[in-house]
């Protein structure tokens, strides 16, 4: 199914907000089938899932995973809460705010990016080198209310910069957005590591500022009742994802080239046709998956989640008491413990 048709059908079938009382039109989940939603167009940033699908790792676990490209991290939470998709990837800060402030019936079942995968991309002619350089600037974000904007707000608050002093403009999370900088429509834009690597490899005059905001970077989520009713399927899903990450982490450059070729055979991944760029992209993204214990890849780190919650609450971004658990390691333990 084409991405536009898939997302259009979902948007027409359910009212997604507010989260409390959301009712799904999906009454039953077909056994052995899961739909996974990425927060944006396919990229090598999502290789743990794309590779697991292309390499048949999900199939080996007895599940059929349909991977679809979404339109923003907030949409992943919304559609998962509405039971329109069974799982997806979204930003840690974005998810935590939805869980606490809006009582979203979704829970994090894994942490794939241990720190923010985003960076502020600007021009070397007018570089943004530190958070203080953001004041008074116009910054491009992929979607309003998504994980990129949440990361930006947290970074500004931690740096004691008024978020209102930074104007936001909607842009695509892709290398093409550099043209908006050249046209002086924005001073910079937020992109993932894939966009930054592609620009650098193509010799664009790029300045990159990483955005480590102290919050779990990217997580996989599931709706609570769907998770409880289909635990075995989620265990199989996470076991395959874990194996995918382990295999990708162990690959040398030649292995990564083969893995990229395998993913490209099944998914349309812009920019992945250039081998040198693709390998650099994969290596940069792999750095985000690493924890202090390589055997605990994808596991939610208790200390990190506690710190992230404290940072968000201190910044005023969590406005309600935390009455529900923010994550569970039950599925991870069942899959890999």
C-alpha atoms as a PDB file:
ATOM      1  CA  UNK A   1       0.000   0.000   0.000  1.00  0.00           C
ATOM      2  CA  UNK A   2       1.262   3.472  -0.853  1.00  0.00           C
ATOM      3  CA  UNK A   3       2.179   5.721   2.057  1.00  0.00           C
ATOM      4  CA  UNK A   4      -0.354   8.417   1.103  1.00  0.00           C
ATOM      5  CA  UNK A   5      -3.185   5.889   0.803  1.00  0.00           C
ATOM      6  CA  UNK A   6      -2.269   4.247   4.100  1.00  0.00           C
ATOM      7  CA  UNK A   7      -2.070   7.462   6.114  1.00  0.00           C
ATOM      8  CA  UNK A   8      -5.051   8.998   4.351  1.00  0.00           C
ATOM      9  CA  UNK A   9      -7.199   6.020   5.256  1.00  0.00           C
ATOM     10  CA  UNK A  10      -6.183   6.208   8.896  1.00  0.00           C
ATOM     11  CA  UNK A  11      -6.788   9.939   9.134  1.00  0.00           C
ATOM     12  CA  UNK A  12     -10.293   9.491   7.729  1.00  0.00           C
ATOM     13  CA  UNK A  13     -11.202   6.631  10.056  1.00  0.00           C
ATOM     14  CA  UNK A  14     -10.566   8.026  13.533  1.00  0.00           C
ATOM     15  CA  UNK A  15     -10.519  11.236  15.527  1.00  0.00           C
ATOM     16  CA  UNK A  16      -7.164  11.034  17.250  1.00  0.00           C
ATOM     17  CA  UNK A  17      -7.142  13.752  19.886  1.00  0.00           C
ATOM     18  CA  UNK A  18      -7.530  14.242  22.745  1.00  0.00           C
ATOM     19  CA  UNK A  19      -6.094  10.977  24.041  1.00  0.00           C
ATOM     20  CA  UNK A  20      -8.493  10.378  26.953  1.00  0.00           C
ATOM     21  CA  UNK A  21     -11.345   8.183  25.783  1.00  0.00           C
ATOM     22  CA  UNK A  22      -9.950   7.645  22.310  1.00  0.00           C
ATOM     23  CA  UNK A  23     -11.855   4.864  20.577  1.00  0.00           C
ATOM     24  CA  UNK A  24     -10.338   2.796  17.803  1.00  0.00           C
ATOM     25  CA  UNK A  25     -12.123   1.538  14.713  1.00  0.00           C
ATOM     26  CA  UNK A  26      -9.760  -1.435  14.727  1.00  0.00           C
ATOM     27  CA  UNK A  27     -11.618  -4.038  16.790  1.00  0.00           C
ATOM     28  CA  UNK A  28      -9.283  -7.000  16.347  1.00  0.00           C
ATOM     29  CA  UNK A  29      -5.662  -7.455  15.468  1.00  0.00           C
ATOM     30  CA  UNK A  30      -4.953 -10.223  12.995  1.00  0.00           C
ATOM     31  CA  UNK A  31      -2.803 -12.791  14.745  1.00  0.00           C
ATOM     32  CA  UNK A  32       0.858 -12.629  13.787  1.00  0.00           C
ATOM     33  CA  UNK A  33       0.593  -9.237  12.076  1.00  0.00           C
ATOM     34  CA  UNK A  34       1.911  -5.888  13.271  1.00  0.00           C
ATOM     35  CA  UNK A  35       2.073  -2.497  11.588  1.00  0.00           C
ATOM     36  CA  UNK A  36       5.116  -0.406  12.538  1.00  0.00           C
ATOM     37  CA  UNK A  37       5.082   3.335  11.826  1.00  0.00           C
ATOM     38  CA  UNK A  38       8.249   5.392  11.389  1.00  0.00           C
ATOM     39  CA  UNK A  39       8.071   9.106  12.280  1.00  0.00           C
ATOM     40  CA  UNK A  40       9.095  10.241   8.788  1.00  0.00           C
ATOM     41  CA  UNK A  41      10.054   9.025   5.319  1.00  0.00           C
ATOM     42  CA  UNK A  42      12.230   5.933   5.231  1.00  0.00           C
ATOM     43  CA  UNK A  43      15.881   6.535   6.042  1.00  0.00           C
ATOM     44  CA  UNK A  44      18.813   4.513   7.330  1.00  0.00           C
ATOM     45  CA  UNK A  45      18.072   5.960  10.766  1.00  0.00           C
ATOM     46  CA  UNK A  46      15.333   3.326  10.894  1.00  0.00           C
ATOM     47  CA  UNK A  47      17.578   0.474   9.772  1.00  0.00           C
ATOM     48  CA  UNK A  48      16.969  -1.730  12.852  1.00  0.00           C
ATOM     49  CA  UNK A  49      13.395  -2.263  11.647  1.00  0.00           C
ATOM     50  CA  UNK A  50      14.019  -1.977   7.896  1.00  0.00           C
ATOM     51  CA  UNK A  51      16.838  -4.534   8.054  1.00  0.00           C
ATOM     52  CA  UNK A  52      14.821  -6.893  10.275  1.00  0.00           C
ATOM     53  CA  UNK A  53      12.087  -6.801   7.651  1.00  0.00           C
ATOM     54  CA  UNK A  54      14.313  -7.108   4.567  1.00  0.00           C
ATOM     55  CA  UNK A  55      16.513  -9.839   6.102  1.00  0.00           C
ATOM     56  CA  UNK A  56      13.524 -11.935   7.137  1.00  0.00           C
ATOM     57  CA  UNK A  57      14.208 -11.649  10.877  1.00  0.00           C
ATOM     58  CA  UNK A  58      10.564 -10.902  11.663  1.00  0.00           C
ATOM     59  CA  UNK A  59       9.465 -13.819   9.514  1.00  0.00           C
ATOM     60  CA  UNK A  60      11.832 -16.133  11.414  1.00  0.00           C
ATOM     61  CA  UNK A  61      10.047 -15.117  14.618  1.00  0.00           C
ATOM     62  CA  UNK A  62       6.703 -16.005  13.077  1.00  0.00           C
ATOM     63  CA  UNK A  63       5.325 -12.486  12.652  1.00  0.00           C
ATOM     64  CA  UNK A  64       4.417 -10.369   9.651  1.00  0.00           C
ATOM     65  CA  UNK A  65       5.498  -6.750  10.205  1.00  0.00           C
ATOM     66  CA  UNK A  66       4.270  -4.106   7.783  1.00  0.00           C
ATOM     67  CA  UNK A  67       6.491  -1.016   7.943  1.00  0.00           C
ATOM     68  CA  UNK A  68       4.900   2.308   7.002  1.00  0.00           C
ATOM     69  CA  UNK A  69       6.375   5.825   6.867  1.00  0.00           C
ATOM     70  CA  UNK A  70       4.578   8.432   8.945  1.00  0.00           C
ATOM     71  CA  UNK A  71       4.404  12.201   9.059  1.00  0.00           C
ATOM     72  CA  UNK A  72       5.885  13.189  12.360  1.00  0.00           C
ATOM     73  CA  UNK A  73       6.666  11.756  15.784  1.00  0.00           C
ATOM     74  CA  UNK A  74       3.427  13.079  17.285  1.00  0.00           C
ATOM     75  CA  UNK A  75       1.445  11.145  14.688  1.00  0.00           C
ATOM     76  CA  UNK A  76       3.113   7.903  15.771  1.00  0.00           C
ATOM     77  CA  UNK A  77       1.797   8.362  19.313  1.00  0.00           C
ATOM     78  CA  UNK A  78      -1.640   9.403  18.055  1.00  0.00           C
ATOM     79  CA  UNK A  79      -2.113   6.476  15.692  1.00  0.00           C
ATOM     80  CA  UNK A  80      -0.732   3.979  18.197  1.00  0.00           C
ATOM     81  CA  UNK A  81      -3.092   5.343  20.866  1.00  0.00           C
ATOM     82  CA  UNK A  82      -5.988   5.031  18.419  1.00  0.00           C
ATOM     83  CA  UNK A  83      -4.977   1.385  17.697  1.00  0.00           C
ATOM     84  CA  UNK A  84      -4.538   2.222  14.031  1.00  0.00           C
ATOM     85  CA  UNK A  85      -0.970   0.887  14.164  1.00  0.00           C
ATOM     86  CA  UNK A  86       0.383  -1.586  16.678  1.00  0.00           C
ATOM     87  CA  UNK A  87       3.780  -0.016  17.290  1.00  0.00           C
ATOM     88  CA  UNK A  88       6.075   2.721  16.036  1.00  0.00           C
ATOM     89  CA  UNK A  89       9.091   4.891  16.706  1.00  0.00           C
ATOM     90  CA  UNK A  90       8.807   8.331  18.272  1.00  0.00           C
ATOM     91  CA  UNK A  91      10.880  10.824  20.230  1.00  0.00           C
ATOM     92  CA  UNK A  92      11.431  10.193  23.930  1.00  0.00           C
ATOM     93  CA  UNK A  93      10.511  13.718  25.061  1.00  0.00           C
ATOM     94  CA  UNK A  94       7.519  13.874  22.719  1.00  0.00           C
ATOM     95  CA  UNK A  95       6.256  10.532  24.018  1.00  0.00           C
ATOM     96  CA  UNK A  96       6.765  11.390  27.703  1.00  0.00           C
ATOM     97  CA  UNK A  97       4.800  14.616  27.352  1.00  0.00           C
ATOM     98  CA  UNK A  98       1.938  12.822  25.611  1.00  0.00           C
ATOM     99  CA  UNK A  99       1.927  10.081  28.256  1.00  0.00           C
ATOM    100  CA  UNK A 100       1.927  12.453  31.231  1.00  0.00           C
ATOM    101  CA  UNK A 101       0.158  15.585  30.007  1.00  0.00           C
ATOM    102  CA  UNK A 102      -2.457  13.979  27.743  1.00  0.00           C
ATOM    103  CA  UNK A 103      -2.843  10.616  29.468  1.00  0.00           C
ATOM    104  CA  UNK A 104      -1.927   8.824  26.233  1.00  0.00           C
ATOM    105  CA  UNK A 105      -2.651   5.071  26.573  1.00  0.00           C
ATOM    106  CA  UNK A 106       0.719   4.159  25.089  1.00  0.00           C
ATOM    107  CA  UNK A 107       3.871   2.915  26.786  1.00  0.00           C
ATOM    108  CA  UNK A 108       7.502   2.708  25.697  1.00  0.00           C
ATOM    109  CA  UNK A 109       8.658  -0.893  25.222  1.00  0.00           C
ATOM    110  CA  UNK A 110      12.215  -0.148  24.059  1.00  0.00           C
ATOM    111  CA  UNK A 111      14.754   2.669  23.667  1.00  0.00           C
ATOM    112  CA  UNK A 112      16.470   2.524  20.275  1.00  0.00           C
ATOM    113  CA  UNK A 113      18.339   5.865  20.280  1.00  0.00           C
ATOM    114  CA  UNK A 114      19.884   6.441  23.693  1.00  0.00           C
ATOM    115  CA  UNK A 115      20.338  10.144  22.998  1.00  0.00           C
ATOM    116  CA  UNK A 116      18.737  12.588  20.598  1.00  0.00           C
ATOM    117  CA  UNK A 117      19.373  11.716  16.937  1.00  0.00           C
ATOM    118  CA  UNK A 118      18.820  15.319  15.938  1.00  0.00           C
ATOM    119  CA  UNK A 119      21.193  18.135  15.093  1.00  0.00           C
ATOM    120  CA  UNK A 120      20.839  21.782  14.154  1.00  0.00           C
ATOM    121  CA  UNK A 121      22.057  22.048  10.570  1.00  0.00           C
ATOM    122  CA  UNK A 122      23.190  25.469   9.397  1.00  0.00           C
ATOM    123  CA  UNK A 123      25.598  27.037   6.917  1.00  0.00           C
ATOM    124  CA  UNK A 124      29.307  27.527   7.597  1.00  0.00           C
ATOM    125  CA  UNK A 125      28.796  31.102   6.400  1.00  0.00           C
ATOM    126  CA  UNK A 126      26.465  31.753   9.368  1.00  0.00           C
ATOM    127  CA  UNK A 127      26.982  28.773  11.678  1.00  0.00           C
ATOM    128  CA  UNK A 128      24.909  27.844  14.696  1.00  0.00           C
ATOM    129  CA  UNK A 129      27.560  26.398  17.000  1.00  0.00           C
ATOM    130  CA  UNK A 130      25.868  26.474  20.412  1.00  0.00           C
ATOM    131  CA  UNK A 131      22.385  26.955  21.899  1.00  0.00           C
ATOM    132  CA  UNK A 132      23.011  30.682  22.476  1.00  0.00           C
ATOM    133  CA  UNK A 133      23.330  31.131  18.708  1.00  0.00           C
ATOM    134  CA  UNK A 134      19.674  30.075  18.331  1.00  0.00           C
ATOM    135  CA  UNK A 135      18.236  33.194  19.970  1.00  0.00           C
ATOM    136  CA  UNK A 136      16.444  35.369  17.438  1.00  0.00           C
ATOM    137  CA  UNK A 137      16.822  32.807  14.649  1.00  0.00           C
ATOM    138  CA  UNK A 138      14.289  31.085  12.392  1.00  0.00           C
ATOM    139  CA  UNK A 139      14.677  27.320  12.611  1.00  0.00           C
ATOM    140  CA  UNK A 140      13.048  24.735  10.388  1.00  0.00           C
ATOM    141  CA  UNK A 141      11.244  21.801  12.027  1.00  0.00           C
ATOM    142  CA  UNK A 142       9.567  18.857  10.353  1.00  0.00           C
ATOM    143  CA  UNK A 143       6.240  19.091  12.173  1.00  0.00           C
ATOM    144  CA  UNK A 144       4.641  21.180  14.903  1.00  0.00           C
ATOM    145  CA  UNK A 145       4.523  19.414  18.247  1.00  0.00           C
ATOM    146  CA  UNK A 146       6.804  16.582  17.164  1.00  0.00           C
ATOM    147  CA  UNK A 147       9.914  15.189  18.809  1.00  0.00           C
ATOM    148  CA  UNK A 148      12.201  17.591  16.945  1.00  0.00           C
ATOM    149  CA  UNK A 149      10.388  20.629  18.294  1.00  0.00           C
ATOM    150  CA  UNK A 150      10.266  19.096  21.786  1.00  0.00           C
ATOM    151  CA  UNK A 151      14.031  18.567  21.665  1.00  0.00           C
ATOM    152  CA  UNK A 152      14.531  22.158  20.537  1.00  0.00           C
ATOM    153  CA  UNK A 153      12.330  23.528  23.332  1.00  0.00           C
ATOM    154  CA  UNK A 154      14.127  21.473  25.979  1.00  0.00           C
ATOM    155  CA  UNK A 155      17.534  22.543  24.686  1.00  0.00           C
ATOM    156  CA  UNK A 156      16.469  26.201  24.794  1.00  0.00           C
ATOM    157  CA  UNK A 157      15.030  25.925  28.302  1.00  0.00           C
ATOM    158  CA  UNK A 158      18.127  24.165  29.645  1.00  0.00           C
ATOM    159  CA  UNK A 159      20.221  26.965  28.121  1.00  0.00           C
ATOM    160  CA  UNK A 160      17.966  29.642  29.666  1.00  0.00           C
ATOM    161  CA  UNK A 161      16.854  30.917  26.272  1.00  0.00           C
ATOM    162  CA  UNK A 162      13.246  32.006  25.796  1.00  0.00           C
ATOM    163  CA  UNK A 163      11.695  29.491  23.344  1.00  0.00           C
ATOM    164  CA  UNK A 164       9.525  32.294  21.974  1.00  0.00           C
ATOM    165  CA  UNK A 165      12.672  34.017  20.722  1.00  0.00           C
ATOM    166  CA  UNK A 166      13.149  31.241  18.159  1.00  0.00           C
ATOM    167  CA  UNK A 167      10.743  31.295  15.226  1.00  0.00           C
ATOM    168  CA  UNK A 168       9.773  27.917  13.708  1.00  0.00           C
ATOM    169  CA  UNK A 169       9.214  27.192  10.034  1.00  0.00           C
ATOM    170  CA  UNK A 170       8.031  23.873   8.683  1.00  0.00           C
ATOM    171  CA  UNK A 171      10.546  22.053   6.485  1.00  0.00           C
ATOM    172  CA  UNK A 172      11.233  18.513   5.332  1.00  0.00           C
ATOM    173  CA  UNK A 173      13.739  16.411   7.296  1.00  0.00           C
ATOM    174  CA  UNK A 174      15.992  15.955   4.283  1.00  0.00           C
ATOM    175  CA  UNK A 175      19.114  17.300   2.642  1.00  0.00           C
ATOM    176  CA  UNK A 176      16.920  19.342   0.280  1.00  0.00           C
ATOM    177  CA  UNK A 177      16.056  21.667   3.165  1.00  0.00           C
ATOM    178  CA  UNK A 178      19.524  23.206   2.938  1.00  0.00           C
ATOM    179  CA  UNK A 179      18.127  25.158  -0.018  1.00  0.00           C
ATOM    180  CA  UNK A 180      15.905  27.045   2.447  1.00  0.00           C
ATOM    181  CA  UNK A 181      19.031  28.155   4.286  1.00  0.00           C
ATOM    182  CA  UNK A 182      20.610  29.283   1.024  1.00  0.00           C
ATOM    183  CA  UNK A 183      17.413  31.161   0.173  1.00  0.00           C
ATOM    184  CA  UNK A 184      17.572  32.763   3.659  1.00  0.00           C
ATOM    185  CA  UNK A 185      14.102  31.507   4.555  1.00  0.00           C
ATOM    186  CA  UNK A 186      15.536  29.820   7.656  1.00  0.00           C
ATOM    187  CA  UNK A 187      18.804  30.185   9.565  1.00  0.00           C
ATOM    188  CA  UNK A 188      19.023  26.458  10.132  1.00  0.00           C
ATOM    189  CA  UNK A 189      16.874  23.372  10.417  1.00  0.00           C
ATOM    190  CA  UNK A 190      16.589  20.320  12.598  1.00  0.00           C
ATOM    191  CA  UNK A 191      17.540  17.097  10.866  1.00  0.00           C
ATOM    192  CA  UNK A 192      18.443  13.580  11.850  1.00  0.00           C
ATOM    193  CA  UNK A 193      21.926  12.183  11.438  1.00  0.00           C
ATOM    194  CA  UNK A 194      21.077  10.843   7.981  1.00  0.00           C
ATOM    195  CA  UNK A 195      20.370  14.325   6.624  1.00  0.00           C
ATOM    196  CA  UNK A 196      23.543  15.749   8.175  1.00  0.00           C
ATOM    197  CA  UNK A 197      25.707  12.937   6.784  1.00  0.00           C
ATOM    198  CA  UNK A 198      24.280  13.272   3.275  1.00  0.00           C
ATOM    199  CA  UNK A 199      24.895  17.015   3.207  1.00  0.00           C
ATOM    200  CA  UNK A 200      28.442  16.691   4.493  1.00  0.00           C
ATOM    201  CA  UNK A 201      29.250  13.894   2.048  1.00  0.00           C
ATOM    202  CA  UNK A 202      27.958  15.996  -0.845  1.00  0.00           C
ATOM    203  CA  UNK A 203      30.306  18.852   0.128  1.00  0.00           C
ATOM    204  CA  UNK A 204      27.608  21.285   1.179  1.00  0.00           C
ATOM    205  CA  UNK A 205      29.046  24.048   3.414  1.00  0.00           C
ATOM    206  CA  UNK A 206      27.388  22.596   6.491  1.00  0.00           C
ATOM    207  CA  UNK A 207      27.818  23.362  10.183  1.00  0.00           C
ATOM    208  CA  UNK A 208      26.311  20.777  12.529  1.00  0.00           C
ATOM    209  CA  UNK A 209      25.424  21.141  16.206  1.00  0.00           C
ATOM    210  CA  UNK A 210      24.410  17.870  17.970  1.00  0.00           C
ATOM    211  CA  UNK A 211      21.400  18.103  20.287  1.00  0.00           C
ATOM    212  CA  UNK A 212      21.960  15.919  23.328  1.00  0.00           C
ATOM    213  CA  UNK A 213      19.188  17.047  25.658  1.00  0.00           C
ATOM    214  CA  UNK A 214      19.597  14.376  28.358  1.00  0.00           C
ATOM    215  CA  UNK A 215      16.329  12.617  27.501  1.00  0.00           C
ATOM    216  CA  UNK A 216      16.006   9.129  25.922  1.00  0.00           C
ATOM    217  CA  UNK A 217      16.283   9.907  22.233  1.00  0.00           C
ATOM    218  CA  UNK A 218      13.933   7.605  20.328  1.00  0.00           C
ATOM    219  CA  UNK A 219      11.623   4.879  21.614  1.00  0.00           C
ATOM    220  CA  UNK A 220       9.309   2.144  20.364  1.00  0.00           C
ATOM    221  CA  UNK A 221       5.779   2.415  21.743  1.00  0.00           C
ATOM    222  CA  UNK A 222       2.642   0.290  21.949  1.00  0.00           C
ATOM    223  CA  UNK A 223      -0.916   0.855  23.125  1.00  0.00           C
ATOM    224  CA  UNK A 224      -1.368  -0.656  26.588  1.00  0.00           C
ATOM    225  CA  UNK A 225      -4.389  -2.880  25.966  1.00  0.00           C
ATOM    226  CA  UNK A 226      -3.043  -4.068  22.605  1.00  0.00           C
ATOM    227  CA  UNK A 227       0.272  -4.902  24.261  1.00  0.00           C
ATOM    228  CA  UNK A 228      -1.423  -6.844  27.068  1.00  0.00           C
ATOM    229  CA  UNK A 229      -3.572  -8.838  24.639  1.00  0.00           C
ATOM    230  CA  UNK A 230      -0.749  -9.635  22.220  1.00  0.00           C
ATOM    231  CA  UNK A 231       2.319  -9.979  24.411  1.00  0.00           C
ATOM    232  CA  UNK A 232       3.797 -12.913  22.471  1.00  0.00           C
ATOM    233  CA  UNK A 233       3.726 -10.954  19.220  1.00  0.00           C
ATOM    234  CA  UNK A 234       5.526  -8.006  20.783  1.00  0.00           C
ATOM    235  CA  UNK A 235       8.093 -10.320  22.332  1.00  0.00           C
ATOM    236  CA  UNK A 236       8.737 -11.776  18.871  1.00  0.00           C
ATOM    237  CA  UNK A 237       8.907  -8.278  17.395  1.00  0.00           C
ATOM    238  CA  UNK A 238      11.448  -7.060  19.944  1.00  0.00           C
ATOM    239  CA  UNK A 239      13.509 -10.235  19.696  1.00  0.00           C
ATOM    240  CA  UNK A 240      13.845  -9.709  15.934  1.00  0.00           C
ATOM    241  CA  UNK A 241      14.638  -6.007  16.384  1.00  0.00           C
ATOM    242  CA  UNK A 242      17.298  -6.875  18.975  1.00  0.00           C
ATOM    243  CA  UNK A 243      18.870  -9.421  16.635  1.00  0.00           C
ATOM    244  CA  UNK A 244      18.799  -6.839  13.839  1.00  0.00           C
ATOM    245  CA  UNK A 245      20.645  -4.276  15.956  1.00  0.00           C
ATOM    246  CA  UNK A 246      23.213  -6.852  17.074  1.00  0.00           C
ATOM    247  CA  UNK A 247      23.923  -7.916  13.492  1.00  0.00           C
ATOM    248  CA  UNK A 248      24.210  -4.340  12.231  1.00  0.00           C
ATOM    249  CA  UNK A 249      26.507  -3.378  15.113  1.00  0.00           C
ATOM    250  CA  UNK A 250      28.865  -6.253  14.256  1.00  0.00           C
ATOM    251  CA  UNK A 251      29.195  -5.443  10.541  1.00  0.00           C
ATOM    252  CA  UNK A 252      32.269  -3.961   8.899  1.00  0.00           C
ATOM    253  CA  UNK A 253      31.917  -1.552   5.968  1.00  0.00           C
ATOM    254  CA  UNK A 254      31.439  -4.346   3.437  1.00  0.00           C
ATOM    255  CA  UNK A 255      28.768  -5.903   5.592  1.00  0.00           C
ATOM    256  CA  UNK A 256      27.013  -2.555   5.936  1.00  0.00           C
ATOM    257  CA  UNK A 257      27.031  -2.105   2.154  1.00  0.00           C
ATOM    258  CA  UNK A 258      25.317  -5.473   1.754  1.00  0.00           C
ATOM    259  CA  UNK A 259      22.801  -4.635   4.464  1.00  0.00           C
ATOM    260  CA  UNK A 260      21.964  -1.314   2.797  1.00  0.00           C
ATOM    261  CA  UNK A 261      21.544  -3.046  -0.559  1.00  0.00           C
ATOM    262  CA  UNK A 262      19.175  -5.537   1.061  1.00  0.00           C
ATOM    263  CA  UNK A 263      17.070  -2.756   2.594  1.00  0.00           C
ATOM    264  CA  UNK A 264      17.018  -0.799  -0.664  1.00  0.00           C
ATOM    265  CA  UNK A 265      15.648  -3.878  -2.401  1.00  0.00           C
ATOM    266  CA  UNK A 266      12.499  -3.628  -0.290  1.00  0.00           C
ATOM    267  CA  UNK A 267      12.216   0.028   0.728  1.00  0.00           C
ATOM    268  CA  UNK A 268      12.621   3.360  -1.045  1.00  0.00           C
ATOM    269  CA  UNK A 269      15.377   5.026   1.000  1.00  0.00           C
ATOM    270  CA  UNK A 270      16.462   8.376  -0.471  1.00  0.00           C
ATOM    271  CA  UNK A 271      20.242   8.823  -0.670  1.00  0.00           C
ATOM    272  CA  UNK A 272      21.033   5.195   0.161  1.00  0.00           C
ATOM    273  CA  UNK A 273      22.234   4.479  -3.373  1.00  0.00           C
ATOM    274  CA  UNK A 274      25.589   6.146  -2.655  1.00  0.00           C
ATOM    275  CA  UNK A 275      27.611   3.477  -0.844  1.00  0.00           C
ATOM    276  CA  UNK A 276      30.109   5.761   0.889  1.00  0.00           C
ATOM    277  CA  UNK A 277      27.378   8.072   2.173  1.00  0.00           C
ATOM    278  CA  UNK A 278      25.233   5.137   3.239  1.00  0.00           C
ATOM    279  CA  UNK A 279      28.058   3.548   5.237  1.00  0.00           C
ATOM    280  CA  UNK A 280      28.841   6.861   6.973  1.00  0.00           C
ATOM    281  CA  UNK A 281      25.120   7.251   7.685  1.00  0.00           C
ATOM    282  CA  UNK A 282      24.908   3.766   9.196  1.00  0.00           C
ATOM    283  CA  UNK A 283      27.961   4.321  11.375  1.00  0.00           C
ATOM    284  CA  UNK A 284      26.617   7.633  12.706  1.00  0.00           C
ATOM    285  CA  UNK A 285      23.276   6.076  13.552  1.00  0.00           C
ATOM    286  CA  UNK A 286      24.864   3.047  15.206  1.00  0.00           C
ATOM    287  CA  UNK A 287      26.537   5.376  17.701  1.00  0.00           C
ATOM    288  CA  UNK A 288      23.066   6.367  18.925  1.00  0.00           C
ATOM    289  CA  UNK A 289      22.098   2.779  19.745  1.00  0.00           C
ATOM    290  CA  UNK A 290      25.069   2.094  21.995  1.00  0.00           C
ATOM    291  CA  UNK A 291      24.693   1.768  25.745  1.00  0.00           C
ATOM    292  CA  UNK A 292      27.224   1.072  28.474  1.00  0.00           C
ATOM    293  CA  UNK A 293      26.334  -2.595  28.120  1.00  0.00           C
ATOM    294  CA  UNK A 294      26.166  -3.851  24.494  1.00  0.00           C
ATOM    295  CA  UNK A 295      24.038  -6.792  25.637  1.00  0.00           C
ATOM    296  CA  UNK A 296      21.318  -4.377  26.708  1.00  0.00           C
ATOM    297  CA  UNK A 297      20.714  -2.649  23.394  1.00  0.00           C
ATOM    298  CA  UNK A 298      17.078  -1.503  23.093  1.00  0.00           C
ATOM    299  CA  UNK A 299      16.507  -1.845  26.845  1.00  0.00           C
ATOM    300  CA  UNK A 300      15.080   1.155  28.700  1.00  0.00           C
ATOM    301  CA  UNK A 301      17.777   2.362  31.083  1.00  0.00           C
ATOM    302  CA  UNK A 302      16.164   3.145  34.438  1.00  0.00           C
ATOM    303  CA  UNK A 303      18.652   5.867  35.438  1.00  0.00           C
ATOM    304  CA  UNK A 304      18.401   7.591  32.060  1.00  0.00           C
ATOM    305  CA  UNK A 305      14.607   7.616  32.122  1.00  0.00           C
ATOM    306  CA  UNK A 306      14.581   9.015  35.652  1.00  0.00           C
ATOM    307  CA  UNK A 307      16.965  11.793  34.658  1.00  0.00           C
ATOM    308  CA  UNK A 308      14.954  12.536  31.512  1.00  0.00           C
ATOM    309  CA  UNK A 309      11.734  12.826  33.467  1.00  0.00           C
ATOM    310  CA  UNK A 310      13.392  15.173  35.972  1.00  0.00           C
ATOM    311  CA  UNK A 311      14.763  17.361  33.171  1.00  0.00           C
ATOM    312  CA  UNK A 312      11.385  17.611  31.445  1.00  0.00           C
ATOM    313  CA  UNK A 313       9.621  18.391  34.701  1.00  0.00           C
ATOM    314  CA  UNK A 314      12.236  20.963  35.667  1.00  0.00           C
ATOM    315  CA  UNK A 315      11.749  22.632  32.279  1.00  0.00           C
ATOM    316  CA  UNK A 316       7.998  22.794  32.844  1.00  0.00           C
ATOM    317  CA  UNK A 317       7.265  20.444  29.954  1.00  0.00           C
ATOM    318  CA  UNK A 318       5.563  17.810  32.141  1.00  0.00           C
ATOM    319  CA  UNK A 319       2.558  19.614  33.548  1.00  0.00           C
ATOM    320  CA  UNK A 320       0.780  16.782  35.382  1.00  0.00           C
ATOM    321  CA  UNK A 321       1.863  14.259  38.028  1.00  0.00           C
ATOM    322  CA  UNK A 322       3.340  11.063  36.603  1.00  0.00           C
ATOM    323  CA  UNK A 323       0.686   8.516  37.573  1.00  0.00           C
ATOM    324  CA  UNK A 324       1.515   5.772  35.064  1.00  0.00           C
ATOM    325  CA  UNK A 325       4.802   3.993  34.301  1.00  0.00           C
ATOM    326  CA  UNK A 326       6.651   5.662  31.443  1.00  0.00           C
ATOM    327  CA  UNK A 327       8.211   2.459  30.152  1.00  0.00           C
ATOM    328  CA  UNK A 328       8.286  -1.289  30.590  1.00  0.00           C
ATOM    329  CA  UNK A 329      11.195  -3.685  30.231  1.00  0.00           C
ATOM    330  CA  UNK A 330       8.903  -6.699  30.524  1.00  0.00           C
ATOM    331  CA  UNK A 331       8.843  -7.305  26.765  1.00  0.00           C
ATOM    332  CA  UNK A 332      12.609  -6.818  26.464  1.00  0.00           C
ATOM    333  CA  UNK A 333      13.267  -9.263  29.314  1.00  0.00           C
ATOM    334  CA  UNK A 334      10.966 -11.867  27.783  1.00  0.00           C
ATOM    335  CA  UNK A 335      12.674 -11.464  24.409  1.00  0.00           C
ATOM    336  CA  UNK A 336      16.309 -11.185  25.425  1.00  0.00           C
ATOM    337  CA  UNK A 337      16.723 -11.559  29.186  1.00  0.00           C
END
